[in-house]
Amino acid sequence: MTKKRVFSGIQPSGNMHLGNYLGAVKRWVERQAEKENFFCVVDLHTLTVPQDPEALRQETRSLTALLFAAGLDPDKSILFIQSHVSAHAECCWLLNCVTPLGWLERMTQYKDKAGKQESVSTGLLDYPVLMASDILLYDAHEVPVGEDQKQHVELARDIAQRFNHLFGETFVIPEPVISEAGARVMALNDPAVKMSKSEAHVRGHAVRMLDEPAEIERAFKRAVTDSGKEVRFSDDPAKAGVNNLLEIYRVITGKGKEEVEADFAHARGYGDLKKRVAEVVIEELRPIRERYNVLMQDPAALDRLLARGAEQARAVAEPKLREIQGRVGLVLPG
């Protein structure tokens, strides 16, 4: 039986934090042998807002090293940088020409971001079509995303169906996959909001993947809880901080809720909870940080891994691009 194909993208902007890891990357690593996986560092997407060129280069390399360090295995998964595969940008133009403008203007993220700026780039409006190109080039069956990106995958489905109707069966219709476990790691300083890359620099908001143990301990000691002391999962909104800490512990340890609660049955209040959660997070991130440092100290080794990933991605994307070009009537090179 042929494995289903999965496409996932992650932007190289901001600081990758515990929420990114538990909500996406840890699951990618644990399940990478189950399906045919394409993991893409989507650097072209970051250009929809102003970037410092040198910072973007550094963040892109840093993120790819971190993903390899977290356990993405080049023998099991294809990890590559989006701009290294030119078919993504070429396919975007072809899909632009079959995508109604109204579909893009209805995108919630575009409306939210455009409403906060005096002027927006064409790229910001067109972001979802590039994302559709990322997905459709690989005939991906599944696209793991957060709830905030689900609408974009639904647009990719609409574009694929429209193209198939106009030019014949060309694309697999992708399905958005939203995981429950670890999907919403909340901010330590405000458990009412998700841990955010844009706020990861704020002390106490998040645990960043490369934080030293002492900084991780400090972040959890400051974590907002409530005035109680019972360490249990609860539907009470006032217990959101405790629930968040327990959920972090649950996802890292792989235990069920009853097992987690049993682990803290004799806890002496929230201080014990915070200390134990900090310990499991430190131990989870320690080998990742060590492997990351080794990779960043050997740029040639990282370049070889990225070149391998790009070559594997091009082997799939370029024939698909030729098929799309032929469908729309372009003269293909001999």
Protein backbone atom coordinates (compact mmCIF):
# COMPACT_ATOMS: atom_id res chain seq x y z
CA MET A 1 0.00 0.00 0.00
CA THR A 2 1.37 3.42 -1.00
CA LYS A 3 1.93 5.76 1.91
CA LYS A 4 -0.10 8.93 2.07
CA ARG A 5 1.85 12.09 1.34
CA VAL A 6 2.05 14.91 3.89
CA PHE A 7 3.18 18.52 3.37
CA SER A 8 3.99 20.86 6.25
CA GLY A 9 5.48 24.35 6.17
CA ILE A 10 7.01 26.51 8.87
CA GLN A 11 8.17 30.14 8.62
CA PRO A 12 11.74 31.07 9.56
CA SER A 13 10.69 34.16 11.48
CA GLY A 14 10.82 34.84 15.19
CA ASN A 15 11.96 32.42 17.88
CA MET A 16 10.82 28.82 17.67
CA HIS A 17 9.29 28.01 21.04
CA LEU A 18 7.88 25.13 23.04
CA GLY A 19 4.41 25.65 21.54
CA ASN A 20 5.76 25.22 17.99
CA TYR A 21 7.63 22.11 19.06
CA LEU A 22 4.82 20.37 20.96
CA GLY A 23 2.10 21.57 18.59
CA ALA A 24 3.82 20.44 15.40
CA VAL A 25 7.47 19.40 15.28
CA LYS A 26 7.37 16.70 17.96
CA ARG A 27 4.48 15.00 16.14
CA TRP A 28 6.30 15.32 12.80
CA VAL A 29 9.27 13.51 14.29
CA GLU A 30 7.27 10.79 16.03
CA ARG A 31 5.20 9.94 12.94
CA GLN A 32 7.65 10.53 10.12
CA ALA A 33 7.97 6.82 9.30
CA GLU A 34 4.20 6.43 8.85
CA LYS A 35 3.81 8.58 5.73
CA GLU A 36 5.77 10.25 2.93
CA ASN A 37 6.68 13.62 4.41
CA PHE A 38 7.72 16.94 2.89
CA PHE A 39 8.73 19.57 5.45
CA CYS A 40 9.38 23.01 4.01
CA VAL A 41 10.94 26.09 5.59
CA VAL A 42 8.80 28.66 3.79
CA ASP A 43 11.19 31.59 3.47
CA LEU A 44 9.29 33.11 0.52
CA HIS A 45 6.24 33.52 2.72
CA THR A 46 8.17 35.68 5.17
CA LEU A 47 8.74 38.29 2.44
CA THR A 48 5.07 39.37 2.62
CA VAL A 49 6.19 41.69 5.42
CA PRO A 50 9.48 43.66 5.64
CA GLN A 51 12.53 41.59 6.64
CA ASP A 52 16.14 42.32 7.46
CA PRO A 53 17.97 40.29 4.77
CA GLU A 54 20.86 39.12 6.93
CA ALA A 55 18.57 38.26 9.83
CA LEU A 56 16.32 36.26 7.50
CA ARG A 57 19.29 34.26 6.18
CA GLN A 58 20.44 33.50 9.72
CA GLU A 59 16.96 32.58 10.96
CA THR A 60 16.40 30.28 7.98
CA ARG A 61 19.62 28.36 8.58
CA SER A 62 18.98 28.28 12.31
CA LEU A 63 15.48 26.87 11.89
CA THR A 64 16.58 24.13 9.51
CA ALA A 65 19.34 23.12 11.93
CA LEU A 66 16.82 23.08 14.76
CA LEU A 67 14.42 20.86 12.82
CA PHE A 68 17.16 18.36 12.04
CA ALA A 69 18.28 18.53 15.68
CA ALA A 70 14.72 17.88 16.85
CA GLY A 71 14.78 14.57 15.02
CA LEU A 72 13.65 15.03 11.43
CA ASP A 73 15.59 12.28 9.70
CA PRO A 74 16.72 12.91 6.08
CA ASP A 75 16.40 9.16 5.48
CA LYS A 76 12.70 9.28 6.43
CA SER A 77 11.58 12.81 5.55
CA ILE A 78 12.39 15.47 2.99
CA LEU A 79 13.28 18.80 4.63
CA PHE A 80 14.10 21.71 2.34
CA ILE A 81 14.03 25.49 1.97
CA GLN A 82 11.17 26.77 -0.18
CA SER A 83 13.24 29.17 -2.28
CA HIS A 84 15.63 26.34 -3.21
CA VAL A 85 12.84 24.82 -5.32
CA SER A 86 11.85 27.41 -7.94
CA ALA A 87 8.78 25.39 -8.95
CA HIS A 88 6.94 26.87 -5.93
CA ALA A 89 7.08 30.42 -7.29
CA GLU A 90 6.41 29.31 -10.88
CA CYS A 91 3.40 27.25 -9.86
CA CYS A 92 2.06 30.18 -7.84
CA TRP A 93 1.79 32.30 -11.00
CA LEU A 94 -0.10 29.58 -12.84
CA LEU A 95 -2.53 29.15 -9.93
CA ASN A 96 -2.94 32.94 -9.63
CA CYS A 97 -4.44 32.88 -13.10
CA VAL A 98 -7.27 30.56 -12.06
CA THR A 99 -7.90 32.03 -8.59
CA PRO A 100 -10.68 34.65 -8.33
CA LEU A 101 -9.64 37.81 -6.50
CA GLY A 102 -12.70 37.61 -4.27
CA TRP A 103 -11.49 34.31 -2.84
CA LEU A 104 -8.31 36.00 -1.58
CA GLU A 105 -10.05 39.10 -0.24
CA ARG A 106 -12.22 36.86 1.96
CA MET A 107 -9.25 35.32 3.75
CA THR A 108 -9.54 36.12 7.46
CA GLN A 109 -5.79 36.50 8.05
CA TYR A 110 -5.46 38.90 5.13
CA LYS A 111 -8.34 41.05 6.39
CA ASP A 112 -6.90 41.09 9.90
CA LYS A 113 -3.40 42.05 8.81
CA ALA A 114 -4.50 44.51 6.12
CA GLY A 115 -6.75 46.27 8.62
CA LYS A 116 -3.75 47.03 10.82
CA GLN A 117 -1.58 48.56 8.06
CA GLU A 118 -1.86 51.66 5.88
CA SER A 119 -0.46 49.75 2.91
CA VAL A 120 -0.04 46.04 2.23
CA SER A 121 2.00 44.20 -0.37
CA THR A 122 0.51 42.17 -3.19
CA GLY A 123 2.39 39.27 -1.63
CA LEU A 124 0.31 39.47 1.53
CA LEU A 125 -2.88 39.13 -0.51
CA ASP A 126 -1.34 36.35 -2.62
CA TYR A 127 0.16 34.43 0.33
CA PRO A 128 -2.59 31.73 0.24
CA VAL A 129 -1.97 30.99 -3.45
CA LEU A 130 1.72 30.42 -2.79
CA MET A 131 0.69 28.15 0.09
CA ALA A 132 -1.64 26.29 -2.28
CA SER A 133 1.29 25.86 -4.68
CA ASP A 134 3.44 24.46 -1.87
CA ILE A 135 0.81 21.83 -1.13
CA LEU A 136 -0.44 20.96 -4.62
CA LEU A 137 3.01 20.55 -6.20
CA TYR A 138 3.52 17.48 -4.04
CA ASP A 139 0.03 15.99 -4.44
CA ALA A 140 -0.21 16.10 -0.66
CA HIS A 141 -3.10 14.15 0.84
CA GLU A 142 -2.74 15.71 4.29
CA VAL A 143 -1.64 19.13 5.54
CA PRO A 144 -1.11 19.36 9.32
CA VAL A 145 -1.98 22.93 10.36
CA GLY A 146 -3.15 24.99 13.27
CA GLU A 147 -6.73 26.20 13.34
CA ASP A 148 -5.58 29.63 12.07
CA GLN A 149 -4.31 28.08 8.81
CA LYS A 150 -7.27 25.79 8.12
CA GLN A 151 -8.96 28.38 5.87
CA HIS A 152 -5.84 28.53 3.68
CA VAL A 153 -5.87 24.76 3.16
CA GLU A 154 -9.56 24.98 2.28
CA LEU A 155 -8.64 27.58 -0.33
CA ALA A 156 -6.00 25.21 -1.72
CA ARG A 157 -8.77 22.62 -2.07
CA ASP A 158 -10.95 25.13 -3.93
CA ILE A 159 -8.10 26.09 -6.28
CA ALA A 160 -7.29 22.42 -6.97
CA GLN A 161 -10.93 21.62 -7.72
CA ARG A 162 -11.29 24.65 -9.99
CA PHE A 163 -8.10 23.76 -11.89
CA ASN A 164 -9.20 20.13 -12.24
CA HIS A 165 -12.57 21.28 -13.59
CA LEU A 166 -10.96 23.64 -16.13
CA PHE A 167 -8.05 21.48 -17.31
CA GLY A 168 -8.74 17.89 -16.28
CA GLU A 169 -7.70 15.85 -13.26
CA THR A 170 -4.34 17.22 -12.18
CA PHE A 171 -4.25 17.68 -8.41
CA VAL A 172 -4.94 15.57 -5.35
CA ILE A 173 -7.46 17.38 -3.14
CA PRO A 174 -5.67 17.93 0.19
CA GLU A 175 -7.21 17.59 3.64
CA PRO A 176 -6.34 19.85 6.58
CA VAL A 177 -5.31 17.85 9.66
CA ILE A 178 -5.62 19.57 13.02
CA SER A 179 -4.20 17.61 15.93
CA GLU A 180 -5.64 17.84 19.40
CA ALA A 181 -2.60 16.86 21.46
CA GLY A 182 -0.33 19.81 22.07
CA ALA A 183 -2.09 21.86 19.42
CA ARG A 184 -2.62 24.82 21.72
CA VAL A 185 0.22 25.49 24.12
CA MET A 186 -0.71 28.67 25.94
CA ALA A 187 1.50 31.55 27.06
CA LEU A 188 3.02 31.10 30.50
CA ASN A 189 2.33 34.73 31.42
CA ASP A 190 -1.24 34.69 30.05
CA PRO A 191 -2.86 31.26 29.65
CA ALA A 192 -5.78 32.86 27.79
CA VAL A 193 -3.63 33.28 24.63
CA LYS A 194 -1.45 30.93 22.59
CA MET A 195 2.30 30.96 22.95
CA SER A 196 3.43 33.19 20.09
CA LYS A 197 6.62 33.58 18.04
CA SER A 198 6.09 37.32 17.91
CA GLU A 199 6.01 37.50 21.71
CA ALA A 200 8.62 34.84 22.44
CA HIS A 201 11.19 37.52 23.28
CA VAL A 202 9.01 38.79 26.15
CA ARG A 203 10.35 37.41 29.40
CA GLY A 204 8.02 34.82 30.89
CA HIS A 205 5.79 34.52 27.80
CA ALA A 206 7.31 31.39 26.28
CA VAL A 207 10.06 28.83 26.55
CA ARG A 208 12.26 29.12 23.48
CA MET A 209 13.80 25.97 22.06
CA LEU A 210 17.36 27.16 22.65
CA ASP A 211 16.86 28.58 26.15
CA GLU A 212 19.33 27.41 28.77
CA PRO A 213 17.99 25.33 31.71
CA ALA A 214 18.18 28.24 34.16
CA GLU A 215 16.04 30.41 31.87
CA ILE A 216 13.49 27.60 31.46
CA GLU A 217 13.25 27.22 35.23
CA ARG A 218 12.70 30.96 35.64
CA ALA A 219 9.96 30.97 33.00
CA PHE A 220 8.01 28.19 34.70
CA LYS A 221 8.46 29.68 38.17
CA ARG A 222 6.75 32.83 36.90
CA ALA A 223 3.97 30.92 35.12
CA VAL A 224 0.51 32.32 35.90
CA THR A 225 -1.75 29.87 37.75
CA ASP A 226 -4.47 30.79 40.30
CA SER A 227 -5.01 31.03 44.06
CA GLY A 228 -5.77 27.31 44.54
CA LYS A 229 -3.42 24.40 45.04
CA GLU A 230 -5.15 21.29 43.61
CA VAL A 231 -3.20 19.89 40.66
CA ARG A 232 -5.86 18.46 38.35
CA PHE A 233 -7.24 19.04 34.86
CA SER A 234 -10.31 21.26 35.02
CA ASP A 235 -12.89 22.92 32.74
CA ASP A 236 -12.86 26.01 34.97
CA PRO A 237 -11.44 28.97 32.97
CA ALA A 238 -9.73 30.14 36.15
CA LYS A 239 -7.61 26.96 36.03
CA ALA A 240 -6.30 27.64 32.51
CA GLY A 241 -2.75 28.13 33.76
CA VAL A 242 -2.70 24.83 35.63
CA ASN A 243 -4.28 23.04 32.67
CA ASN A 244 -1.58 24.45 30.40
CA LEU A 245 1.22 23.18 32.63
CA LEU A 246 -0.39 19.76 32.94
CA GLU A 247 -0.91 19.58 29.17
CA ILE A 248 2.75 20.42 28.51
CA TYR A 249 3.73 17.65 30.93
CA ARG A 250 1.26 15.22 29.33
CA VAL A 251 2.47 15.77 25.76
CA ILE A 252 6.15 15.48 26.66
CA THR A 253 5.76 12.37 28.81
CA GLY A 254 3.18 10.72 26.55
CA LYS A 255 1.01 9.86 29.56
CA GLY A 256 -2.77 9.92 29.79
CA LYS A 257 -4.61 12.49 31.89
CA GLU A 258 -5.25 10.08 34.76
CA GLU A 259 -1.56 9.12 34.87
CA VAL A 260 -0.56 12.78 34.88
CA GLU A 261 -2.90 13.55 37.75
CA ALA A 262 -1.55 10.52 39.64
CA ASP A 263 1.99 11.87 39.22
CA PHE A 264 0.93 15.04 41.02
CA ALA A 265 -1.38 13.46 43.60
CA HIS A 266 1.03 14.30 46.38
CA ALA A 267 2.24 17.63 45.03
CA ARG A 268 2.52 20.39 47.60
CA GLY A 269 0.76 23.03 45.54
CA TYR A 270 1.68 24.65 42.27
CA GLY A 271 5.33 25.11 43.15
CA ASP A 272 5.88 21.35 42.82
CA LEU A 273 3.95 21.33 39.54
CA LYS A 274 6.04 24.12 38.03
CA LYS A 275 9.29 22.52 39.17
CA ARG A 276 8.44 19.11 37.69
CA VAL A 277 7.18 20.52 34.38
CA ALA A 278 10.36 22.59 34.07
CA GLU A 279 12.42 19.44 34.65
CA VAL A 280 10.74 17.40 31.91
CA VAL A 281 10.96 20.34 29.47
CA ILE A 282 14.67 20.81 30.19
CA GLU A 283 15.36 17.11 29.61
CA GLU A 284 13.29 17.10 26.42
CA LEU A 285 15.12 20.09 24.94
CA ARG A 286 18.65 19.31 26.16
CA PRO A 287 19.64 16.84 23.38
CA ILE A 288 17.98 19.03 20.75
CA ARG A 289 20.03 22.03 21.82
CA GLU A 290 23.23 19.94 21.84
CA ARG A 291 22.63 18.57 18.33
CA TYR A 292 21.72 22.05 17.11
CA ASN A 293 25.01 23.49 18.36
CA VAL A 294 26.96 20.76 16.54
CA LEU A 295 25.17 21.48 13.25
CA MET A 296 25.57 25.25 13.50
CA GLN A 297 29.30 24.80 14.07
CA ASP A 298 29.57 22.80 10.83
CA PRO A 299 27.94 24.92 8.08
CA ALA A 300 29.14 22.58 5.34
CA ALA A 301 27.30 19.63 6.92
CA LEU A 302 24.10 21.66 7.16
CA ASP A 303 24.49 22.77 3.53
CA ARG A 304 24.82 19.14 2.43
CA LEU A 305 21.62 18.21 4.23
CA LEU A 306 19.76 21.14 2.68
CA ALA A 307 21.09 20.37 -0.81
CA ARG A 308 19.94 16.78 -0.45
CA GLY A 309 16.47 17.88 0.66
CA ALA A 310 16.13 20.38 -2.19
CA GLU A 311 17.20 17.79 -4.76
CA GLN A 312 14.63 15.30 -3.45
CA ALA A 313 11.90 17.97 -3.44
CA ARG A 314 12.75 19.11 -6.99
CA ALA A 315 12.50 15.51 -8.18
CA VAL A 316 8.82 15.60 -7.26
CA ALA A 317 7.93 19.27 -7.82
CA GLU A 318 9.50 19.84 -11.24
CA PRO A 319 7.69 17.00 -13.10
CA LYS A 320 4.45 18.20 -11.49
CA LEU A 321 5.14 21.75 -12.67
CA ARG A 322 5.72 20.45 -16.23
CA GLU A 323 2.36 18.66 -16.03
CA ILE A 324 0.60 21.86 -14.89
CA GLN A 325 2.29 23.90 -17.63
CA GLY A 326 1.21 21.37 -20.25
CA ARG A 327 -2.36 21.38 -18.96
CA VAL A 328 -2.71 25.15 -19.39
CA GLY A 329 -1.23 25.13 -22.91
CA LEU A 330 2.35 26.27 -22.44
CA VAL A 331 4.99 25.00 -24.86
CA LEU A 332 7.27 22.78 -22.81
CA PRO A 333 11.04 22.94 -23.30
CA GLY A 334 12.49 20.11 -25.33
